[in-house]
Protein backbone atom coordinates (compact mmCIF):
# COMPACT_ATOMS: atom_id res chain seq x y z
CA UNK A 1 37.87 -86.83 -93.24
CA UNK A 2 34.44 -88.43 -94.21
CA UNK A 3 34.08 -84.86 -95.99
CA UNK A 4 36.73 -82.61 -97.19
CA UNK A 5 34.32 -79.66 -97.17
CA UNK A 6 34.32 -79.60 -93.95
CA UNK A 7 37.67 -79.46 -93.42
CA UNK A 8 38.35 -76.77 -96.12
CA UNK A 9 35.85 -74.62 -93.93
CA UNK A 10 38.16 -75.47 -90.71
CA UNK A 11 41.60 -74.53 -92.48
CA UNK A 12 39.67 -71.52 -94.29
CA UNK A 13 38.12 -70.20 -90.63
CA UNK A 14 41.86 -70.99 -88.92
CA UNK A 15 43.67 -69.25 -91.68
CA UNK A 16 41.61 -65.97 -91.38
CA UNK A 17 41.55 -66.09 -87.92
CA UNK A 18 45.61 -66.03 -87.68
CA UNK A 19 45.59 -63.16 -90.32
CA UNK A 20 42.95 -60.92 -88.51
CA UNK A 21 44.87 -61.77 -85.25
CA UNK A 22 48.39 -60.49 -86.38
CA UNK A 23 49.86 -63.97 -86.17
CA UNK A 24 52.80 -63.70 -89.12
CA UNK A 25 54.92 -66.58 -87.71
CA UNK A 26 52.22 -69.15 -88.60
CA UNK A 27 50.27 -69.76 -91.48
CA UNK A 28 48.13 -72.14 -92.58
CA UNK A 29 47.71 -73.26 -95.96
CA UNK A 30 45.23 -71.48 -98.82
CA UNK A 31 42.25 -73.78 -99.77
CA UNK A 32 41.56 -73.48 -103.36
CA UNK A 33 37.46 -74.46 -103.25
CA UNK A 34 36.67 -74.34 -106.91
CA UNK A 35 38.89 -77.41 -106.74
CA UNK A 36 37.51 -79.10 -103.41
CA UNK A 37 35.17 -81.50 -103.28
CA UNK A 38 33.65 -83.95 -100.32
CA UNK A 39 36.59 -86.62 -101.30
CA UNK A 40 38.92 -84.17 -102.41
CA UNK A 41 41.15 -81.31 -100.63
CA UNK A 42 43.34 -79.20 -102.25
CA UNK A 43 45.43 -76.48 -100.82
CA UNK A 44 48.79 -74.34 -101.08
CA UNK A 45 51.90 -76.63 -101.00
CA UNK A 46 53.91 -76.21 -98.12
CA UNK A 47 57.69 -76.56 -98.50
CA UNK A 48 59.15 -77.92 -95.19
CA UNK A 49 59.99 -80.30 -92.20
CA UNK A 50 57.90 -82.05 -90.23
CA UNK A 51 58.57 -80.91 -86.35
CA UNK A 52 58.58 -84.89 -85.99
CA UNK A 53 61.59 -84.79 -88.11
CA UNK A 54 63.75 -81.50 -86.72
CA UNK A 55 66.48 -81.37 -84.03
CA UNK A 56 65.94 -80.39 -80.39
CA UNK A 57 67.22 -76.88 -81.17
CA UNK A 58 64.72 -76.34 -84.12
CA UNK A 59 61.48 -77.22 -82.22
CA UNK A 60 63.13 -74.84 -79.82
CA UNK A 61 63.20 -71.94 -82.24
CA UNK A 62 60.10 -72.49 -83.05
CA UNK A 63 57.95 -72.73 -79.64
CA UNK A 64 57.43 -69.30 -79.21
CA UNK A 65 55.40 -68.93 -82.44
CA UNK A 66 53.57 -72.05 -82.14
CA UNK A 67 52.51 -70.73 -78.50
CA UNK A 68 51.47 -67.56 -79.57
CA UNK A 69 49.36 -68.84 -82.34
CA UNK A 70 48.05 -71.60 -80.24
CA UNK A 71 46.77 -69.30 -76.99
CA UNK A 72 45.18 -66.92 -79.87
CA UNK A 73 43.08 -69.81 -80.96
CA UNK A 74 42.43 -70.76 -77.23
CA UNK A 75 41.60 -67.47 -75.95
CA UNK A 76 41.01 -64.98 -78.56
CA UNK A 77 39.12 -66.57 -81.34
CA UNK A 78 37.71 -69.99 -79.43
CA UNK A 79 38.10 -72.16 -82.74
CA UNK A 80 41.35 -74.20 -82.25
CA UNK A 81 43.46 -76.77 -83.96
CA UNK A 82 42.47 -80.05 -81.39
CA UNK A 83 45.34 -82.28 -83.47
CA UNK A 84 48.59 -80.01 -83.24
CA UNK A 85 51.18 -83.13 -82.97
CA UNK A 86 54.48 -82.86 -84.58
CA UNK A 87 53.53 -84.31 -88.03
CA UNK A 88 50.86 -81.48 -88.41
CA UNK A 89 53.61 -78.72 -87.59
CA UNK A 90 56.04 -77.66 -90.74
CA UNK A 91 59.29 -75.85 -90.55
CA UNK A 92 59.18 -74.21 -93.53
CA UNK A 93 62.51 -74.12 -95.60
CA UNK A 94 62.31 -70.23 -96.20
CA UNK A 95 59.63 -67.99 -94.59
CA UNK A 96 56.68 -66.81 -96.33
CA UNK A 97 56.55 -63.08 -98.02
CA UNK A 98 54.54 -62.44 -94.55
CA UNK A 99 57.15 -63.63 -92.42
CA UNK A 100 55.84 -67.36 -91.50
CA UNK A 101 58.29 -69.87 -90.34
CA UNK A 102 55.85 -72.47 -89.02
CA UNK A 103 53.16 -73.82 -91.51
CA UNK A 104 49.92 -75.71 -89.50
CA UNK A 105 48.07 -78.39 -91.46
CA UNK A 106 45.27 -80.77 -91.33
CA UNK A 107 42.60 -79.13 -90.12
CA UNK A 108 40.06 -82.00 -89.94
CA UNK A 109 39.80 -82.30 -86.13
CA UNK A 110 38.80 -78.74 -84.75
CA UNK A 111 36.85 -77.82 -81.76
CA UNK A 112 34.85 -74.24 -80.06
CA UNK A 113 34.76 -72.54 -77.21
CA UNK A 114 32.43 -70.06 -76.52
CA UNK A 115 33.68 -66.66 -75.21
CA UNK A 116 32.31 -67.31 -71.52
CA UNK A 117 33.98 -70.47 -70.57
CA UNK A 118 37.63 -68.21 -72.75
CA UNK A 119 36.84 -65.70 -69.98
CA UNK A 120 36.56 -68.39 -67.39
CA UNK A 121 39.91 -70.33 -68.34
CA UNK A 122 41.72 -67.02 -68.59
CA UNK A 123 40.62 -66.33 -64.93
CA UNK A 124 41.98 -69.36 -63.97
CA UNK A 125 45.14 -69.29 -65.96
CA UNK A 126 45.41 -66.23 -63.50
CA UNK A 127 44.44 -67.86 -60.50
CA UNK A 128 46.45 -71.20 -61.39
CA UNK A 129 49.56 -68.73 -61.91
CA UNK A 130 49.47 -67.06 -58.51
CA UNK A 131 48.63 -69.69 -56.62
CA UNK A 132 45.04 -68.66 -55.74
CA UNK A 133 43.32 -71.85 -55.56
CA UNK A 134 40.58 -70.43 -53.60
CA UNK A 135 39.19 -68.70 -56.65
CA UNK A 136 40.37 -71.60 -58.94
CA UNK A 137 37.59 -73.40 -57.30
CA UNK A 138 35.14 -70.94 -58.57
CA UNK A 139 36.66 -70.98 -61.63
CA UNK A 140 36.14 -74.58 -61.99
CA UNK A 141 32.66 -74.36 -60.75
CA UNK A 142 31.93 -71.60 -63.52
CA UNK A 143 33.33 -74.16 -65.99
CA UNK A 144 31.14 -77.15 -64.66
CA UNK A 145 33.92 -78.86 -63.26
CA UNK A 146 33.16 -78.78 -59.96
CA UNK A 147 29.54 -78.94 -58.37
CA UNK A 148 28.22 -75.44 -57.11
CA UNK A 149 27.59 -77.36 -53.39
CA UNK A 150 31.12 -78.40 -53.53
CA UNK A 151 33.45 -79.27 -49.99
CA UNK A 152 36.16 -76.30 -50.90
CA UNK A 153 38.14 -77.12 -47.46
CA UNK A 154 38.86 -80.51 -48.83
CA UNK A 155 39.02 -79.82 -52.41
CA UNK A 156 42.18 -76.55 -51.83
CA UNK A 157 44.47 -78.91 -50.37
CA UNK A 158 43.93 -81.72 -52.64
CA UNK A 159 44.17 -78.83 -55.51
CA UNK A 160 47.51 -77.60 -54.43
CA UNK A 161 49.16 -80.87 -54.17
CA UNK A 162 47.93 -81.92 -57.86
CA UNK A 163 48.25 -78.71 -59.79
CA UNK A 164 51.45 -76.59 -58.04
CA UNK A 165 53.92 -79.64 -59.52
CA UNK A 166 52.32 -79.21 -62.88
CA UNK A 167 52.56 -75.35 -62.89
CA UNK A 168 56.50 -75.54 -62.30
CA UNK A 169 56.65 -77.21 -65.88
CA UNK A 170 58.98 -79.79 -66.83
CA UNK A 171 56.39 -82.45 -67.60
CA UNK A 172 55.80 -85.93 -66.53
CA UNK A 173 59.29 -86.50 -65.31
CA UNK A 174 59.32 -83.29 -63.33
CA UNK A 175 56.33 -83.48 -62.20
CA UNK A 176 56.92 -87.07 -60.93
CA UNK A 177 59.70 -85.82 -58.75
CA UNK A 178 57.66 -83.12 -57.17
CA UNK A 179 55.27 -85.50 -56.33
CA UNK A 180 57.70 -87.77 -54.90
CA UNK A 181 59.60 -84.44 -53.07
CA UNK A 182 56.03 -83.72 -52.06
CA UNK A 183 54.43 -87.25 -50.10
CA UNK A 184 58.36 -87.76 -48.81
CA UNK A 185 59.63 -90.49 -51.12
CA UNK A 186 62.92 -90.93 -51.04
CA UNK A 187 65.23 -94.05 -52.24
CA UNK A 188 64.69 -96.44 -49.14
CA UNK A 189 61.38 -98.67 -49.45
CA UNK A 190 59.83 -97.34 -46.28
CA UNK A 191 59.62 -93.79 -47.58
CA UNK A 192 58.27 -94.85 -50.99
CA UNK A 193 55.88 -97.13 -49.70
CA UNK A 194 54.35 -94.40 -47.03
CA UNK A 195 54.42 -91.81 -49.73
CA UNK A 196 52.70 -94.17 -52.24
CA UNK A 197 49.87 -94.65 -49.73
CA UNK A 198 49.24 -91.12 -48.91
CA UNK A 199 49.09 -90.28 -52.45
CA UNK A 200 47.04 -93.26 -52.75
CA UNK A 201 44.62 -91.88 -49.86
CA UNK A 202 44.62 -88.36 -51.17
CA UNK A 203 44.03 -90.03 -55.16
CA UNK A 204 41.09 -91.92 -53.54
CA UNK A 205 39.66 -88.79 -51.90
CA UNK A 206 39.60 -86.85 -54.98
CA UNK A 207 37.52 -89.96 -57.08
CA UNK A 208 34.89 -90.42 -54.10
CA UNK A 209 34.31 -87.48 -52.23
CA UNK A 210 35.32 -84.51 -54.95
CA UNK A 211 32.33 -85.09 -57.50
CA UNK A 212 33.96 -83.68 -60.35
CA UNK A 213 33.25 -83.96 -64.53
CA UNK A 214 34.65 -83.06 -67.61
CA UNK A 215 32.98 -81.25 -70.30
CA UNK A 216 32.92 -82.62 -73.96
CA UNK A 217 35.33 -79.71 -75.36
CA UNK A 218 37.45 -80.33 -72.25
CA UNK A 219 38.62 -83.76 -73.02
CA UNK A 220 40.13 -82.60 -76.97
CA UNK A 221 41.51 -79.55 -75.34
CA UNK A 222 43.03 -81.48 -73.01
CA UNK A 223 44.46 -83.73 -75.42
CA UNK A 224 45.69 -80.63 -77.50
CA UNK A 225 47.41 -78.59 -74.91
CA UNK A 226 49.23 -82.11 -73.82
CA UNK A 227 50.19 -82.56 -77.31
CA UNK A 228 51.56 -79.32 -77.52
CA UNK A 229 53.26 -79.19 -74.33
CA UNK A 230 55.13 -82.72 -75.24
CA UNK A 231 56.69 -80.73 -78.32
CA UNK A 232 57.76 -77.59 -76.50
CA UNK A 233 59.39 -79.71 -74.02
CA UNK A 234 61.74 -81.45 -76.51
CA UNK A 235 62.90 -78.04 -77.31
CA UNK A 236 63.05 -77.25 -73.63
CA UNK A 237 63.05 -79.81 -70.91
CA UNK A 238 61.75 -77.34 -68.19
CA UNK A 239 58.82 -75.89 -70.68
CA UNK A 240 55.71 -75.16 -68.31
CA UNK A 241 52.40 -73.64 -70.33
CA UNK A 242 50.67 -72.06 -67.43
CA UNK A 243 54.10 -69.88 -66.81
CA UNK A 244 54.52 -69.56 -70.90
CA UNK A 245 50.92 -68.26 -71.47
CA UNK A 246 50.98 -65.63 -68.67
CA UNK A 247 52.21 -62.51 -70.99
CA UNK A 248 49.45 -63.73 -73.60
CA UNK A 249 47.07 -63.28 -70.53
CA UNK A 250 48.35 -60.13 -68.96
CA UNK A 251 47.90 -59.03 -72.75
CA UNK A 252 44.46 -59.75 -73.20
CA UNK A 253 43.48 -58.18 -69.67
CA UNK A 254 45.00 -54.99 -70.71
CA UNK A 255 43.59 -54.75 -74.11
CA UNK A 256 40.19 -56.04 -73.68
CA UNK A 257 37.16 -53.40 -72.43
CA UNK A 258 34.41 -55.75 -71.65
CA UNK A 259 32.88 -56.63 -68.07
CA UNK A 260 34.10 -59.96 -68.12
CA UNK A 261 37.84 -58.94 -68.68
CA UNK A 262 37.56 -55.88 -66.17
CA UNK A 263 36.38 -57.84 -63.75
CA UNK A 264 39.56 -59.94 -64.15
CA UNK A 265 41.88 -57.46 -64.33
CA UNK A 266 40.21 -55.67 -61.55
CA UNK A 267 40.91 -58.89 -59.39
CA UNK A 268 44.40 -58.36 -60.21
CA UNK A 269 45.02 -54.92 -59.48
CA UNK A 270 43.03 -54.57 -56.41
CA UNK A 271 43.07 -57.84 -55.14
CA UNK A 272 39.50 -57.99 -53.72
CA UNK A 273 38.25 -60.98 -55.28
CA UNK A 274 36.60 -58.80 -58.05
CA UNK A 275 34.29 -57.55 -56.09
CA UNK A 276 35.16 -53.80 -56.17
CA UNK A 277 36.54 -51.65 -53.39
CA UNK A 278 39.74 -51.35 -52.01
CA UNK A 279 42.77 -49.43 -53.22
CA UNK A 280 44.92 -50.11 -56.12
CA UNK A 281 48.02 -51.83 -55.96
CA UNK A 282 50.31 -49.90 -57.52
CA UNK A 283 53.42 -52.29 -57.81
CA UNK A 284 50.67 -54.91 -59.41
CA UNK A 285 49.75 -52.31 -62.01
CA UNK A 286 53.55 -52.02 -62.63
CA UNK A 287 54.33 -55.98 -62.54
CA UNK A 288 51.04 -56.43 -65.05
CA UNK A 289 52.54 -54.09 -67.26
CA UNK A 290 56.18 -56.02 -67.66
CA UNK A 291 54.02 -59.31 -67.70
CA UNK A 292 52.32 -58.17 -71.14
CA UNK A 293 55.70 -57.27 -72.38
CA UNK A 294 57.05 -60.86 -71.65
CA UNK A 295 59.13 -60.08 -68.10
CA UNK A 296 57.53 -62.06 -65.37
CA UNK A 297 58.88 -61.88 -62.15
CA UNK A 298 58.39 -65.26 -60.25
CA UNK A 299 58.36 -66.68 -56.58
CA UNK A 300 58.69 -70.19 -55.30
CA UNK A 301 61.46 -71.56 -57.38
CA UNK A 302 60.44 -69.39 -60.22
CA UNK A 303 57.40 -71.62 -60.36
CA UNK A 304 54.31 -68.93 -59.75
CA UNK A 305 53.76 -65.45 -61.01
CA UNK A 306 54.66 -63.01 -58.20
CA UNK A 307 51.89 -60.58 -58.69
CA UNK A 308 53.67 -57.99 -56.40
CA UNK A 309 57.06 -57.62 -57.89
CA UNK A 310 58.50 -55.42 -60.79
CA UNK A 311 61.03 -57.19 -63.02
CA UNK A 312 64.39 -56.09 -62.47
CA UNK A 313 64.69 -56.26 -66.09
CA UNK A 314 61.22 -54.89 -66.92
CA UNK A 315 60.13 -52.34 -68.96
CA UNK A 316 61.53 -48.68 -68.61
CA UNK A 317 59.37 -45.10 -68.30
CA UNK A 318 59.45 -44.60 -72.02
CA UNK A 319 58.29 -48.49 -73.13
CA UNK A 320 55.76 -48.31 -70.13
CA UNK A 321 54.04 -44.97 -71.49
CA UNK A 322 54.33 -46.29 -75.30
CA UNK A 323 52.64 -49.60 -73.78
CA UNK A 324 49.74 -47.61 -71.69
CA UNK A 325 49.11 -45.42 -74.38
CA UNK A 326 48.84 -48.34 -77.23
CA UNK A 327 45.83 -49.79 -78.77
CA UNK A 328 47.24 -52.93 -76.15
CA UNK A 329 46.23 -51.09 -73.27
CA UNK A 330 42.32 -50.32 -73.73
CA UNK A 331 41.09 -52.18 -70.84
CA UNK A 332 43.72 -50.56 -68.47
CA UNK A 333 42.94 -47.45 -69.74
CA UNK A 334 39.22 -47.58 -69.09
CA UNK A 335 39.71 -49.29 -65.83
CA UNK A 336 41.71 -46.63 -64.37
CA UNK A 337 39.99 -43.74 -65.29
CA UNK A 338 38.47 -42.83 -62.36
CA UNK A 339 41.57 -43.99 -59.90
CA UNK A 340 43.80 -41.44 -62.29
CA UNK A 341 41.75 -38.93 -60.84
CA UNK A 342 42.57 -39.71 -57.68
CA UNK A 343 46.25 -40.31 -58.15
CA UNK A 344 46.49 -36.78 -59.69
CA UNK A 345 44.65 -34.90 -56.95
CA UNK A 346 46.08 -36.70 -54.14
CA UNK A 347 49.63 -36.50 -55.95
CA UNK A 348 48.94 -32.37 -56.33
CA UNK A 349 48.00 -31.63 -53.01
CA UNK A 350 50.98 -33.63 -51.58
CA UNK A 351 53.51 -31.96 -53.77
CA UNK A 352 52.12 -28.74 -53.47
CA UNK A 353 51.82 -28.69 -49.11
CA UNK A 354 55.05 -30.51 -48.60
CA UNK A 355 56.73 -28.27 -51.12
CA UNK A 356 55.86 -24.72 -50.54
CA UNK A 357 56.17 -25.47 -46.89
CA UNK A 358 59.83 -26.20 -47.86
CA UNK A 359 59.96 -23.36 -50.20
CA UNK A 360 58.40 -20.83 -47.87
CA UNK A 361 61.64 -21.18 -45.44
CA UNK A 362 63.61 -19.94 -48.33
CA UNK A 363 61.41 -17.34 -49.32
CA UNK A 364 61.11 -15.98 -45.66
CA UNK A 365 63.39 -12.89 -44.96
CA UNK A 366 65.93 -13.60 -42.54
CA UNK A 367 65.21 -12.54 -38.76
CA UNK A 368 67.23 -9.08 -37.71
CA UNK A 369 70.58 -9.26 -35.97
CA UNK A 370 70.13 -8.47 -32.19
CA UNK A 371 72.73 -5.63 -31.29
CA UNK A 372 74.86 -5.32 -27.99
CA UNK A 373 72.93 -3.66 -25.16
CA UNK A 374 70.27 -2.85 -27.50
CA UNK A 375 69.00 -6.57 -27.91
CA UNK A 376 66.14 -7.21 -30.21
CA UNK A 377 64.94 -3.63 -31.12
CA UNK A 378 64.03 -4.23 -34.61
CA UNK A 379 60.71 -5.24 -35.47
CA UNK A 380 60.17 -9.18 -36.49
CA UNK A 381 59.17 -9.34 -39.95
CA UNK A 382 55.74 -10.73 -40.53
CA UNK A 383 55.38 -14.75 -41.61
CA UNK A 384 55.55 -15.04 -45.41
CA UNK A 385 52.65 -17.66 -44.76
CA UNK A 386 50.68 -15.14 -43.33
CA UNK A 387 50.68 -11.98 -45.34
CA UNK A 388 47.31 -11.65 -46.93
CA UNK A 389 47.52 -11.62 -50.97
CA UNK A 390 45.15 -10.51 -53.75
CA UNK A 391 44.30 -13.64 -55.89
CA UNK A 392 42.26 -13.64 -58.78
CA UNK A 393 39.39 -16.50 -57.95
CA UNK A 394 37.05 -17.76 -60.61
CA UNK A 395 33.72 -16.36 -60.52
CA UNK A 396 31.23 -17.37 -57.89
CA UNK A 397 28.47 -17.79 -60.82
CA UNK A 398 28.90 -19.61 -63.91
CA UNK A 399 29.98 -17.65 -66.48
CA UNK A 400 30.42 -14.64 -64.34
CA UNK A 401 33.10 -11.65 -64.04
CA UNK A 402 36.54 -13.20 -62.33
CA UNK A 403 36.60 -11.86 -59.09
CA UNK A 404 39.27 -10.90 -56.11
CA UNK A 405 40.03 -12.74 -52.74
CA UNK A 406 42.24 -11.99 -50.14
CA UNK A 407 44.02 -15.05 -48.66
CA UNK A 408 47.63 -15.83 -46.96
CA UNK A 409 49.62 -18.42 -48.81
CA UNK A 410 48.61 -20.61 -45.84
CA UNK A 411 44.92 -20.29 -46.59
CA UNK A 412 45.47 -20.68 -50.22
CA UNK A 413 47.31 -23.95 -49.37
CA UNK A 414 44.67 -25.58 -47.46
CA UNK A 415 41.57 -24.53 -49.42
CA UNK A 416 43.49 -25.49 -53.26
CA UNK A 417 45.37 -28.52 -51.52
CA UNK A 418 43.46 -29.74 -48.27
CA UNK A 419 45.20 -32.30 -46.33
CA UNK A 420 45.25 -36.21 -46.58
CA UNK A 421 43.44 -37.84 -44.52
CA UNK A 422 44.81 -41.72 -43.10
CA UNK A 423 43.81 -43.64 -46.07
CA UNK A 424 44.80 -41.15 -48.43
CA UNK A 425 48.33 -41.05 -47.11
CA UNK A 426 48.06 -44.80 -47.48
CA UNK A 427 47.05 -44.26 -50.90
CA UNK A 428 50.22 -42.12 -51.98
CA UNK A 429 52.60 -44.16 -49.64
CA UNK A 430 51.67 -47.20 -52.03
CA UNK A 431 52.33 -44.87 -55.04
CA UNK A 432 55.47 -43.62 -53.40
CA UNK A 433 56.84 -47.24 -53.35
CA UNK A 434 55.59 -47.92 -56.67
CA UNK A 435 57.74 -44.82 -58.12
CA UNK A 436 60.73 -46.08 -56.09
CA UNK A 437 60.66 -49.46 -57.82
CA UNK A 438 60.03 -48.59 -61.29
CA UNK A 439 61.58 -44.98 -61.37
CA UNK A 440 64.05 -45.10 -58.53
CA UNK A 441 64.03 -42.99 -55.03
CA UNK A 442 64.66 -39.51 -56.93
CA UNK A 443 60.97 -40.15 -58.55
CA UNK A 444 59.74 -41.58 -55.27
CA UNK A 445 60.87 -38.12 -53.68
CA UNK A 446 59.21 -36.13 -55.76
CA UNK A 447 56.41 -38.32 -55.71
CA UNK A 448 56.27 -37.55 -51.66
CA UNK A 449 56.82 -33.95 -52.46
CA UNK A 450 59.82 -33.72 -50.41
CA UNK A 451 62.20 -30.44 -50.61
CA UNK A 452 61.68 -30.56 -54.44
CA UNK A 453 59.89 -27.28 -55.48
CA UNK A 454 62.40 -24.72 -54.95
CA UNK A 455 61.82 -21.06 -54.31
CA UNK A 456 61.49 -20.38 -58.05
CA UNK A 457 58.89 -23.05 -58.36
CA UNK A 458 56.99 -21.63 -55.15
CA UNK A 459 57.04 -18.19 -56.96
CA UNK A 460 55.69 -19.83 -60.33
CA UNK A 461 52.70 -21.05 -58.47
CA UNK A 462 52.05 -18.10 -56.10
CA UNK A 463 52.58 -15.90 -59.64
CA UNK A 464 49.96 -17.87 -61.82
CA UNK A 465 47.61 -17.87 -59.25
CA UNK A 466 47.93 -14.19 -58.75
CA UNK A 467 47.97 -13.74 -62.24
CA UNK A 468 44.25 -15.39 -63.02
CA UNK A 469 45.25 -18.78 -64.13
CA UNK A 470 42.09 -19.35 -61.85
CA UNK A 471 40.78 -16.48 -62.61
CA UNK A 472 39.05 -16.91 -66.51
CA UNK A 473 36.21 -16.41 -67.56
CA UNK A 474 35.94 -19.64 -68.84
CA UNK A 475 38.43 -21.34 -66.57
CA UNK A 476 38.13 -25.05 -68.65
CA UNK A 477 38.30 -23.30 -71.82
CA UNK A 478 41.44 -24.86 -74.01
CA UNK A 479 43.70 -21.45 -73.58
CA UNK A 480 43.56 -21.62 -69.81
CA UNK A 481 43.98 -24.95 -69.47
CA UNK A 482 47.21 -24.11 -71.85
CA UNK A 483 48.26 -21.58 -69.20
CA UNK A 484 48.15 -23.77 -66.31
CA UNK A 485 49.76 -26.46 -68.33
CA UNK A 486 52.66 -24.05 -69.13
CA UNK A 487 53.13 -23.12 -65.24
CA UNK A 488 53.41 -26.77 -64.59
CA UNK A 489 56.26 -27.09 -66.55
CA UNK A 490 57.83 -24.59 -65.18
CA UNK A 491 57.85 -26.02 -62.24
CA UNK A 492 58.97 -29.26 -63.85
CA UNK A 493 61.63 -27.47 -65.44
CA UNK A 494 63.20 -26.87 -62.31
CA UNK A 495 62.98 -30.35 -60.57
CA UNK A 496 65.81 -31.32 -62.06
CA UNK A 497 67.97 -29.09 -60.04
CA UNK A 498 67.03 -30.27 -57.21
CA UNK A 499 66.62 -33.85 -57.68
CA UNK A 500 70.28 -35.36 -57.36
CA UNK A 501 71.53 -37.00 -60.42
CA UNK A 502 67.65 -36.71 -62.07
CA UNK A 503 66.01 -35.07 -64.88
CA UNK A 504 62.57 -35.36 -64.75
CA UNK A 505 61.45 -32.90 -67.52
CA UNK A 506 64.21 -35.12 -69.44
CA UNK A 507 62.78 -38.12 -68.92
CA UNK A 508 59.09 -37.04 -69.96
CA UNK A 509 60.28 -35.50 -73.02
CA UNK A 510 62.35 -38.21 -74.25
CA UNK A 511 59.54 -40.73 -73.32
CA UNK A 512 56.85 -39.01 -75.26
CA UNK A 513 59.26 -38.52 -78.05
CA UNK A 514 58.95 -42.19 -79.02
CA UNK A 515 55.26 -42.16 -79.43
CA UNK A 516 53.96 -42.38 -82.65
CA UNK A 517 51.01 -40.05 -83.61
CA UNK A 518 47.91 -41.29 -82.31
CA UNK A 519 49.76 -42.33 -79.36
CA UNK A 520 50.44 -39.01 -78.76
CA UNK A 521 47.37 -37.74 -79.75
CA UNK A 522 45.93 -40.10 -76.95
CA UNK A 523 48.29 -38.82 -74.48
CA UNK A 524 47.32 -35.05 -75.12
CA UNK A 525 43.52 -35.84 -74.68
CA UNK A 526 44.00 -37.65 -71.32
CA UNK A 527 46.53 -35.00 -69.95
CA UNK A 528 44.22 -32.26 -70.76
CA UNK A 529 41.00 -34.28 -69.51
CA UNK A 530 43.13 -34.62 -66.24
CA UNK A 531 43.89 -30.56 -66.17
CA UNK A 532 40.40 -30.09 -66.97
CA UNK A 533 39.18 -32.21 -64.04
CA UNK A 534 41.60 -31.00 -61.57
CA UNK A 535 40.60 -27.04 -62.07
CA UNK A 536 37.50 -27.87 -61.66
CA UNK A 537 37.96 -29.19 -58.44
CA UNK A 538 40.51 -26.61 -57.40
CA UNK A 539 37.19 -24.26 -58.28
CA UNK A 540 34.80 -25.98 -56.36
CA UNK A 541 37.43 -25.47 -53.28
CA UNK A 542 37.71 -21.73 -53.69
CA UNK A 543 34.19 -21.33 -54.44
CA UNK A 544 33.10 -20.46 -50.29
CA UNK A 545 36.74 -17.91 -50.74
CA UNK A 546 35.09 -14.41 -49.66
CA UNK A 547 35.54 -11.84 -52.52
CA UNK A 548 36.90 -8.49 -51.90
CA UNK A 549 36.43 -7.34 -55.40
């Protein structure tokens, strides 16, 4: 307030930040620069009632709007309103043209957080929300709250005692109740005294043995968060800002394609401490998609995020696909680019091997009957999978003429779909479990390749191979890819007949129909690239097959 030109700049910056990030539920008044001086600030008039004068129900209705706006300031722009008390927020008498129902005023006290600290704070929220205190110690070191030589063994249990009650929400009153439970304080004097002594000892340990410090911006940030949480608790006595902010964090993890965010995303999906390696946990991928959509499964009395559980009321396949193909999931698509290759290869090999094995049983001719006195005088027909078949193959040299190889169905299967090794079997099992949880057991059965490719489907695969699906002069051109996709579509179209109560093709068609133009274009591009790479792998695996023509 010593120079209203500064406040005018703050107000204009905050207003533009909200507009740039699509925050429509909350507005910041427009500033009239030509009327402002160092001693006078002139801005747009807002007709409304201060939240300090609103009912609890009215405050509860505005909590989600205010929360989204302040999380955007805190984690997205890094420029936040540091004095968001109820008198500085107005419930508007009527929505603005953009649909805003709240107005934020008085930008005299603002603060900034640089991107590195914002990324570390995002990591801290993730670890705090799922009770990973060992990793939270690292976050606090990066935020300069703890020194790098801190005694982890002493700090982690103290973090658990201090922070777990807070994550559960409910403000100071519930925090006090949780502390009393933790330290065994009951209604009798002896337990209260004993619990207080234990709590005092822990507090002294923190003060004397843990050399923590508070960065300058952290004090003002803490004040703002406590103020905001106090407002939200008025409308919802069980409100907890850590849990409520998790869907926002999940959306940010999925959308930003930066190394720091990618590392945090990888840590969630792979559970490897962000150091790479390990296998993708499919249930975590599905859970994170649901978290981003606002559906969060919890554990320990609804206190912590359960990263390994898919919410029962979460996304269906169509909504999940739409989210995955949207701009909001750019970071996830980048991280999974290599993973999709592995998934496609393992899934294709498993379906082909198990599916063809089942289908060959139905294709095999019956054994000739034995006659009385004559016995089995008719010759046993050859096994279908042992009959050499001519198959048109890619040229052994790049750009050369397609060639013909003689392969039995068994040899062809072993070449194009090698048996999964132990690690790949475990990976496939995880994929199947995730499919069962997200889509149901019928789709999981398809993922496992159990009895789903009918005799008709098997003939389609063999006919495609024999007619030259793999023998084009330019196997990776668009026409060849289209041919492969048509063959796959013919197989999938018959799956619904083999899945009890299911229709995979119908489910996929319905999901794709809900995509907009850009999302459909992105999906088509991804599918074509997947097929292109799959064909390349198949070609490489068939490269050492002897050619007879």
